[in-house]
Amino acid sequence: MLSGALSRVAGVVLGGFTNCMPSEGSFGTLTLGVPAEMDADAGTLRLLEPAVS
């Protein structure tokens, strides 16, 4: 299998979901197509441009 490869992962950013409906208890959404910076040490995801122009 993965032999513990995921134990070294500090964060994952996923995108490209289509036809998905929010479920009860969902945490919200991020705007697609906006450049972002992930800081795995701080546990943050920062948008580098405004999500709405």
PDB file of N, CA and C in Angstrom:
ATOM      1  N   MET A   1       0.828  -1.190   0.000  1.00  0.00           N
ATOM      2  CA  MET A   1       0.000   0.000   0.000  1.00  0.00           C
ATOM      3  C   MET A   1       0.871   1.252   0.000  1.00  0.00           C
ATOM      4  N   LEU A   2       0.539   2.228   0.820  1.00  0.00           N
ATOM      5  CA  LEU A   2       1.252   3.500   0.826  1.00  0.00           C
ATOM      6  C   LEU A   2       2.447   3.511   1.770  1.00  0.00           C
ATOM      7  N   SER A   3       2.593   2.500   2.567  1.00  0.00           N
ATOM      8  CA  SER A   3       3.734   2.370   3.481  1.00  0.00           C
ATOM      9  C   SER A   3       3.973   3.611   4.328  1.00  0.00           C
ATOM     10  N   GLY A   4       2.921   4.234   4.796  1.00  0.00           N
ATOM     11  CA  GLY A   4       3.052   5.395   5.659  1.00  0.00           C
ATOM     12  C   GLY A   4       3.353   6.691   4.939  1.00  0.00           C
ATOM     13  N   ALA A   5       3.254   6.721   3.618  1.00  0.00           N
ATOM     14  CA  ALA A   5       3.579   7.938   2.855  1.00  0.00           C
ATOM     15  C   ALA A   5       2.716   9.116   3.279  1.00  0.00           C
ATOM     16  N   LEU A   6       1.465   8.884   3.627  1.00  0.00           N
ATOM     17  CA  LEU A   6       0.581   9.987   4.008  1.00  0.00           C
ATOM     18  C   LEU A   6       0.885  10.521   5.403  1.00  0.00           C
ATOM     19  N   SER A   7       1.642   9.802   6.193  1.00  0.00           N
ATOM     20  CA  SER A   7       1.982  10.297   7.533  1.00  0.00           C
ATOM     21  C   SER A   7       2.907  11.506   7.461  1.00  0.00           C
ATOM     22  N   ARG A   8       3.561  11.734   6.320  1.00  0.00           N
ATOM     23  CA  ARG A   8       4.444  12.885   6.150  1.00  0.00           C
ATOM     24  C   ARG A   8       3.721  14.089   5.552  1.00  0.00           C
ATOM     25  N   VAL A   9       2.460  13.934   5.184  1.00  0.00           N
ATOM     26  CA  VAL A   9       1.704  15.014   4.545  1.00  0.00           C
ATOM     27  C   VAL A   9       1.169  15.957   5.614  1.00  0.00           C
ATOM     28  N   ALA A  10       1.457  17.256   5.454  1.00  0.00           N
ATOM     29  CA  ALA A  10       0.991  18.261   6.411  1.00  0.00           C
ATOM     30  C   ALA A  10      -0.319  18.894   5.982  1.00  0.00           C
ATOM     31  N   GLY A  11      -0.634  18.850   4.702  1.00  0.00           N
ATOM     32  CA  GLY A  11      -1.874  19.445   4.220  1.00  0.00           C
ATOM     33  C   GLY A  11      -2.127  19.066   2.782  1.00  0.00           C
ATOM     34  N   VAL A  12      -3.382  19.121   2.406  1.00  0.00           N
ATOM     35  CA  VAL A  12      -3.787  18.806   1.044  1.00  0.00           C
ATOM     36  C   VAL A  12      -4.840  19.822   0.616  1.00  0.00           C
ATOM     37  N   VAL A  13      -4.688  20.358  -0.575  1.00  0.00           N
ATOM     38  CA  VAL A  13      -5.681  21.264  -1.130  1.00  0.00           C
ATOM     39  C   VAL A  13      -6.286  20.566  -2.340  1.00  0.00           C
ATOM     40  N   LEU A  14      -7.593  20.427  -2.338  1.00  0.00           N
ATOM     41  CA  LEU A  14      -8.302  19.755  -3.422  1.00  0.00           C
ATOM     42  C   LEU A  14      -9.147  20.750  -4.185  1.00  0.00           C
ATOM     43  N   GLY A  15      -9.388  20.485  -5.442  1.00  0.00           N
ATOM     44  CA  GLY A  15     -10.241  21.368  -6.236  1.00  0.00           C
ATOM     45  C   GLY A  15     -10.815  20.620  -7.432  1.00  0.00           C
ATOM     46  N   GLY A  16     -11.671  21.310  -8.156  1.00  0.00           N
ATOM     47  CA  GLY A  16     -12.261  20.740  -9.356  1.00  0.00           C
ATOM     48  C   GLY A  16     -13.481  19.882  -9.122  1.00  0.00           C
ATOM     49  N   PHE A  17     -14.193  20.069  -8.032  1.00  0.00           N
ATOM     50  CA  PHE A  17     -15.394  19.299  -7.765  1.00  0.00           C
ATOM     51  C   PHE A  17     -16.566  19.921  -8.527  1.00  0.00           C
ATOM     52  N   THR A  18     -17.344  19.131  -9.199  1.00  0.00           N
ATOM     53  CA  THR A  18     -18.508  19.625  -9.931  1.00  0.00           C
ATOM     54  C   THR A  18     -19.752  18.855  -9.504  1.00  0.00           C
ATOM     55  N   ASN A  19     -20.881  19.518  -9.610  1.00  0.00           N
ATOM     56  CA  ASN A  19     -22.175  18.910  -9.270  1.00  0.00           C
ATOM     57  C   ASN A  19     -22.212  18.369  -7.844  1.00  0.00           C
ATOM     58  N   CYS A  20     -21.576  19.062  -6.920  1.00  0.00           N
ATOM     59  CA  CYS A  20     -21.567  18.664  -5.514  1.00  0.00           C
ATOM     60  C   CYS A  20     -22.498  19.587  -4.738  1.00  0.00           C
ATOM     61  N   MET A  21     -23.321  19.013  -3.915  1.00  0.00           N
ATOM     62  CA  MET A  21     -24.243  19.780  -3.090  1.00  0.00           C
ATOM     63  C   MET A  21     -23.711  19.801  -1.658  1.00  0.00           C
ATOM     64  N   PRO A  22     -23.815  20.957  -0.978  1.00  0.00           N
ATOM     65  CA  PRO A  22     -23.353  21.002   0.412  1.00  0.00           C
ATOM     66  C   PRO A  22     -24.186  20.063   1.283  1.00  0.00           C
ATOM     67  N   SER A  23     -23.521  19.468   2.253  1.00  0.00           N
ATOM     68  CA  SER A  23     -24.222  18.584   3.170  1.00  0.00           C
ATOM     69  C   SER A  23     -24.362  19.263   4.523  1.00  0.00           C
ATOM     70  N   GLU A  24     -25.194  18.703   5.358  1.00  0.00           N
ATOM     71  CA  GLU A  24     -25.386  19.253   6.694  1.00  0.00           C
ATOM     72  C   GLU A  24     -24.054  19.217   7.439  1.00  0.00           C
ATOM     73  N   GLY A  25     -23.693  20.307   8.064  1.00  0.00           N
ATOM     74  CA  GLY A  25     -22.443  20.390   8.802  1.00  0.00           C
ATOM     75  C   GLY A  25     -21.246  20.768   7.948  1.00  0.00           C
ATOM     76  N   SER A  26     -21.487  21.153   6.685  1.00  0.00           N
ATOM     77  CA  SER A  26     -20.352  21.538   5.841  1.00  0.00           C
ATOM     78  C   SER A  26     -19.758  22.845   6.346  1.00  0.00           C
ATOM     79  N   PHE A  27     -18.501  23.067   6.076  1.00  0.00           N
ATOM     80  CA  PHE A  27     -17.771  24.206   6.622  1.00  0.00           C
ATOM     81  C   PHE A  27     -17.708  25.398   5.685  1.00  0.00           C
ATOM     82  N   GLY A  28     -18.328  25.336   4.521  1.00  0.00           N
ATOM     83  CA  GLY A  28     -18.286  26.447   3.588  1.00  0.00           C
ATOM     84  C   GLY A  28     -17.484  26.092   2.353  1.00  0.00           C
ATOM     85  N   THR A  29     -17.224  27.090   1.536  1.00  0.00           N
ATOM     86  CA  THR A  29     -16.521  26.839   0.282  1.00  0.00           C
ATOM     87  C   THR A  29     -15.422  27.865   0.065  1.00  0.00           C
ATOM     88  N   LEU A  30     -14.500  27.542  -0.782  1.00  0.00           N
ATOM     89  CA  LEU A  30     -13.489  28.466  -1.264  1.00  0.00           C
ATOM     90  C   LEU A  30     -13.774  28.744  -2.721  1.00  0.00           C
ATOM     91  N   THR A  31     -13.481  29.926  -3.166  1.00  0.00           N
ATOM     92  CA  THR A  31     -13.678  30.278  -4.560  1.00  0.00           C
ATOM     93  C   THR A  31     -12.665  29.539  -5.413  1.00  0.00           C
ATOM     94  N   LEU A  32     -13.133  28.957  -6.511  1.00  0.00           N
ATOM     95  CA  LEU A  32     -12.254  28.221  -7.413  1.00  0.00           C
ATOM     96  C   LEU A  32     -11.472  29.169  -8.302  1.00  0.00           C
ATOM     97  N   GLY A  33     -10.272  28.802  -8.654  1.00  0.00           N
ATOM     98  CA  GLY A  33      -9.470  29.567  -9.581  1.00  0.00           C
ATOM     99  C   GLY A  33      -8.702  30.717  -8.975  1.00  0.00           C
ATOM    100  N   VAL A  34      -8.714  30.862  -7.674  1.00  0.00           N
ATOM    101  CA  VAL A  34      -7.989  31.941  -7.011  1.00  0.00           C
ATOM    102  C   VAL A  34      -6.665  31.382  -6.499  1.00  0.00           C
ATOM    103  N   PRO A  35      -5.532  31.982  -6.898  1.00  0.00           N
ATOM    104  CA  PRO A  35      -4.250  31.508  -6.383  1.00  0.00           C
ATOM    105  C   PRO A  35      -4.223  31.590  -4.856  1.00  0.00           C
ATOM    106  N   ALA A  36      -3.638  30.575  -4.235  1.00  0.00           N
ATOM    107  CA  ALA A  36      -3.601  30.519  -2.781  1.00  0.00           C
ATOM    108  C   ALA A  36      -2.245  29.999  -2.330  1.00  0.00           C
ATOM    109  N   GLU A  37      -1.937  30.268  -1.075  1.00  0.00           N
ATOM    110  CA  GLU A  37      -0.684  29.816  -0.468  1.00  0.00           C
ATOM    111  C   GLU A  37      -1.015  29.015   0.777  1.00  0.00           C
ATOM    112  N   MET A  38      -0.520  27.796   0.830  1.00  0.00           N
ATOM    113  CA  MET A  38      -0.749  26.952   1.993  1.00  0.00           C
ATOM    114  C   MET A  38       0.509  26.958   2.863  1.00  0.00           C
ATOM    115  N   ASP A  39       0.335  27.241   4.140  1.00  0.00           N
ATOM    116  CA  ASP A  39       1.420  27.158   5.116  1.00  0.00           C
ATOM    117  C   ASP A  39       1.112  25.966   6.013  1.00  0.00           C
ATOM    118  N   ALA A  40       1.744  24.862   5.719  1.00  0.00           N
ATOM    119  CA  ALA A  40       1.454  23.633   6.460  1.00  0.00           C
ATOM    120  C   ALA A  40       1.859  23.738   7.926  1.00  0.00           C
ATOM    121  N   ASP A  41       2.931  24.462   8.208  1.00  0.00           N
ATOM    122  CA  ASP A  41       3.363  24.608   9.597  1.00  0.00           C
ATOM    123  C   ASP A  41       2.346  25.386  10.421  1.00  0.00           C
ATOM    124  N   ALA A  42       1.794  26.466   9.836  1.00  0.00           N
ATOM    125  CA  ALA A  42       0.815  27.292  10.549  1.00  0.00           C
ATOM    126  C   ALA A  42      -0.603  26.746  10.414  1.00  0.00           C
ATOM    127  N   GLY A  43      -0.820  25.824   9.470  1.00  0.00           N
ATOM    128  CA  GLY A  43      -2.156  25.275   9.253  1.00  0.00           C
ATOM    129  C   GLY A  43      -3.094  26.283   8.614  1.00  0.00           C
ATOM    130  N   THR A  44      -2.552  27.117   7.696  1.00  0.00           N
ATOM    131  CA  THR A  44      -3.370  28.156   7.073  1.00  0.00           C
ATOM    132  C   THR A  44      -3.384  28.016   5.554  1.00  0.00           C
ATOM    133  N   LEU A  45      -4.420  28.553   4.962  1.00  0.00           N
ATOM    134  CA  LEU A  45      -4.552  28.690   3.515  1.00  0.00           C
ATOM    135  C   LEU A  45      -4.933  30.123   3.255  1.00  0.00           C
ATOM    136  N   ARG A  46      -4.084  30.867   2.528  1.00  0.00           N
ATOM    137  CA  ARG A  46      -4.294  32.298   2.303  1.00  0.00           C
ATOM    138  C   ARG A  46      -4.526  32.543   0.829  1.00  0.00           C
ATOM    139  N   LEU A  47      -5.626  33.250   0.508  1.00  0.00           N
ATOM    140  CA  LEU A  47      -5.894  33.636  -0.868  1.00  0.00           C
ATOM    141  C   LEU A  47      -4.949  34.767  -1.255  1.00  0.00           C
ATOM    142  N   LEU A  48      -4.293  34.649  -2.413  1.00  0.00           N
ATOM    143  CA  LEU A  48      -3.317  35.653  -2.860  1.00  0.00           C
ATOM    144  C   LEU A  48      -3.951  36.758  -3.689  1.00  0.00           C
ATOM    145  N   GLU A  49      -5.185  36.568  -4.125  1.00  0.00           N
ATOM    146  CA  GLU A  49      -5.940  37.565  -4.879  1.00  0.00           C
ATOM    147  C   GLU A  49      -7.356  37.598  -4.333  1.00  0.00           C
ATOM    148  N   PRO A  50      -8.066  38.704  -4.522  1.00  0.00           N
ATOM    149  CA  PRO A  50      -9.458  38.750  -4.063  1.00  0.00           C
ATOM    150  C   PRO A  50     -10.294  37.677  -4.771  1.00  0.00           C
ATOM    151  N   ALA A  51     -11.204  37.076  -4.045  1.00  0.00           N
ATOM    152  CA  ALA A  51     -12.071  36.044  -4.624  1.00  0.00           C
ATOM    153  C   ALA A  51     -13.132  36.671  -5.541  1.00  0.00           C
ATOM    154  N   VAL A  52     -13.439  37.922  -5.314  1.00  0.00           N
ATOM    155  CA  VAL A  52     -14.431  38.628  -6.109  1.00  0.00           C
ATOM    156  C   VAL A  52     -13.809  39.937  -6.561  1.00  0.00           C
ATOM    157  N   SER A  53     -13.970  40.233  -7.862  1.00  0.00           N
ATOM    158  CA  SER A  53     -13.389  41.501  -8.351  1.00  0.00           C
ATOM    159  C   SER A  53     -14.423  42.590  -8.440  1.00  0.00           C
TER     160      SER A  53
END
